[in-house]
Every structure is written in C-alpha cells, then in structure tokens.
Protein backbone atom coordinates (compact mmCIF):
# COMPACT_ATOMS: atom_id res chain seq x y z
CA MET A 1 100.27 -19.21 -115.30
CA THR A 2 98.27 -18.91 -112.73
CA ILE A 3 95.75 -21.23 -113.07
CA ARG A 4 92.51 -20.85 -110.74
CA LEU A 5 89.58 -23.06 -110.58
CA GLU A 6 85.89 -21.93 -109.20
CA ARG A 7 84.80 -23.53 -105.88
CA ARG A 8 81.84 -25.74 -107.96
CA ALA A 9 84.37 -26.38 -110.36
CA LEU A 10 86.87 -28.18 -107.56
CA LEU A 11 84.13 -29.22 -106.76
CA ALA A 12 83.12 -30.96 -109.50
CA ILE A 13 85.99 -32.15 -110.11
CA ALA A 14 86.22 -34.44 -106.17
CA ALA A 15 82.56 -35.43 -106.82
CA MET A 16 84.21 -37.08 -110.51
CA LEU A 17 87.49 -38.59 -108.86
CA LEU A 18 85.08 -40.71 -106.46
CA THR A 19 82.40 -41.54 -108.76
CA SER A 20 85.49 -42.43 -110.98
CA SER A 21 86.67 -44.65 -107.61
CA VAL A 22 83.33 -45.93 -106.91
CA CYS A 23 83.16 -47.46 -110.58
CA ALA A 24 86.67 -48.39 -110.62
CA SER A 25 86.02 -50.48 -107.23
CA GLN A 26 83.43 -51.88 -109.30
CA ALA A 27 85.39 -54.03 -112.02
CA ALA A 28 88.33 -54.72 -109.65
CA PRO A 29 88.54 -57.87 -108.46
CA ALA A 30 87.16 -58.75 -105.43
CA LEU A 31 88.31 -56.80 -101.63
CA THR A 32 90.51 -59.06 -99.67
CA ARG A 33 89.69 -59.46 -95.59
CA THR A 34 92.59 -57.02 -94.98
CA GLU A 35 91.08 -54.55 -97.72
CA GLN A 36 87.38 -54.91 -97.27
CA ALA A 37 88.69 -54.19 -92.88
CA ILE A 38 89.83 -50.71 -94.80
CA VAL A 39 86.66 -50.34 -96.13
CA ARG A 40 84.49 -50.95 -93.45
CA ALA A 41 86.39 -48.36 -91.49
CA VAL A 42 87.11 -45.83 -93.62
CA ALA A 43 83.54 -46.06 -95.04
CA PRO A 44 81.09 -44.33 -91.80
CA HIS A 45 83.47 -41.73 -91.76
CA ASN A 46 82.59 -40.80 -95.51
CA ALA A 47 80.20 -37.63 -95.34
CA GLU A 48 83.26 -36.81 -92.86
CA GLY A 49 85.84 -36.37 -96.40
CA VAL A 50 83.83 -35.01 -97.95
CA ALA A 51 82.97 -32.43 -95.22
CA LEU A 52 86.38 -31.74 -94.88
CA LEU A 53 87.54 -31.23 -99.29
CA GLU A 54 84.23 -29.15 -99.00
CA LYS A 55 85.98 -26.99 -95.77
CA LEU A 56 89.45 -26.31 -97.33
CA VAL A 57 88.18 -26.30 -101.23
CA ASN A 58 86.48 -23.34 -99.60
CA ILE A 59 89.73 -21.08 -98.94
CA ASN A 60 90.80 -18.89 -101.36
CA SER A 61 94.42 -20.53 -100.94
CA GLY A 62 95.25 -19.68 -104.54
CA THR A 63 98.84 -19.35 -105.71
CA MET A 64 100.60 -16.56 -104.10
CA ASN A 65 98.04 -16.49 -101.39
CA PHE A 66 99.98 -17.66 -98.04
CA ALA A 67 97.76 -16.16 -95.33
CA GLY A 68 95.01 -19.58 -97.22
CA VAL A 69 97.83 -21.01 -97.56
CA ARG A 70 98.63 -21.37 -93.81
CA SER A 71 95.77 -21.38 -92.94
CA VAL A 72 94.60 -24.82 -95.06
CA ALA A 73 98.07 -25.77 -92.94
CA ASP A 74 96.38 -25.16 -89.83
CA VAL A 75 92.72 -26.70 -90.87
CA LEU A 76 94.37 -30.47 -91.86
CA ARG A 77 96.87 -29.52 -88.99
CA GLY A 78 93.72 -29.51 -86.49
CA THR A 79 92.09 -32.70 -87.81
CA ARG A 80 95.79 -34.49 -87.76
CA LYS A 81 95.60 -33.99 -84.32
CA ARG A 82 92.36 -34.96 -83.17
CA ALA A 83 92.57 -38.26 -84.74
CA GLY A 84 95.36 -38.30 -83.23
CA ILE A 85 97.82 -39.01 -86.12
CA GLY A 86 101.78 -37.09 -85.27
CA ALA A 87 103.67 -35.40 -87.81
CA ARG A 88 106.41 -32.68 -88.32
CA PRO A 89 106.18 -30.19 -90.25
CA ALA A 90 108.47 -30.56 -92.70
CA LEU A 91 108.88 -27.01 -94.82
CA HIS A 92 111.50 -27.01 -97.50
CA GLU A 93 113.53 -23.83 -97.62
CA THR A 94 112.66 -23.17 -100.71
CA TRP A 95 109.09 -22.10 -99.60
CA ARG A 96 110.17 -20.47 -95.90
CA TYR A 97 112.17 -18.15 -98.06
CA CYS A 98 109.43 -17.07 -100.92
CA CYS A 99 107.08 -16.87 -97.79
CA ALA A 100 109.74 -14.73 -95.82
CA SER A 101 109.41 -12.50 -98.43
CA GLY A 102 106.44 -11.82 -99.29
CA GLY A 103 106.19 -14.17 -102.26
CA ARG A 104 109.08 -12.33 -103.54
CA THR A 105 112.27 -14.84 -105.07
C-alpha cells in the first residue's frame, strides 16, 4: 500500500521533530564542551537547513517516481559538494535493476 503525504503534512512533521528536539534538549542534562561547540557551529545555519528541507519536500519523489528520486539525489549531491563533503554513491543492485526496468521487478 502506498502512502502519500501532502507537503503540508511533511512540513508539519518536520516542525514537530524540530520542536520535539528543542523540548528534549531542554529536559536533557547539560551539554558537554564538544556538544556546545557543535551547537554553536550548526545553529547559525538553521534557516539554511529548514530551506533545504522545504525544497526537498516540494520535490515530487513518491513511490515509483524515479525522476523525482533522482532530483532529490541531485539536490543532496549539490549540497554535499558545496559543503566539501566527499562521498561515493553506493547504489544497491536491486535498486539499479528496478530503475533500469522502469519500476518492474
């Protein structure tokens, strides 16, 4: 059964996750120096992260929409490249076969 979530629902889920992480951090014990350094490094880029999340959510990449999935991968690949993070894509052979066959397995 395919479950499709509307953009608003995905944004609402993202907002809940962000809110829950803030609430959890308030109830959590004090952060270590390393954790505090991570928060200081990441916090100024929060708006960028939310904008990226919104961009990804707005790409139609539902089940069997291989073009949409590739679009999401392209966005993430570009983001990773701009951040200077090197990685080699590792595609599972079944996934490759599925896409090559147009979704027929």
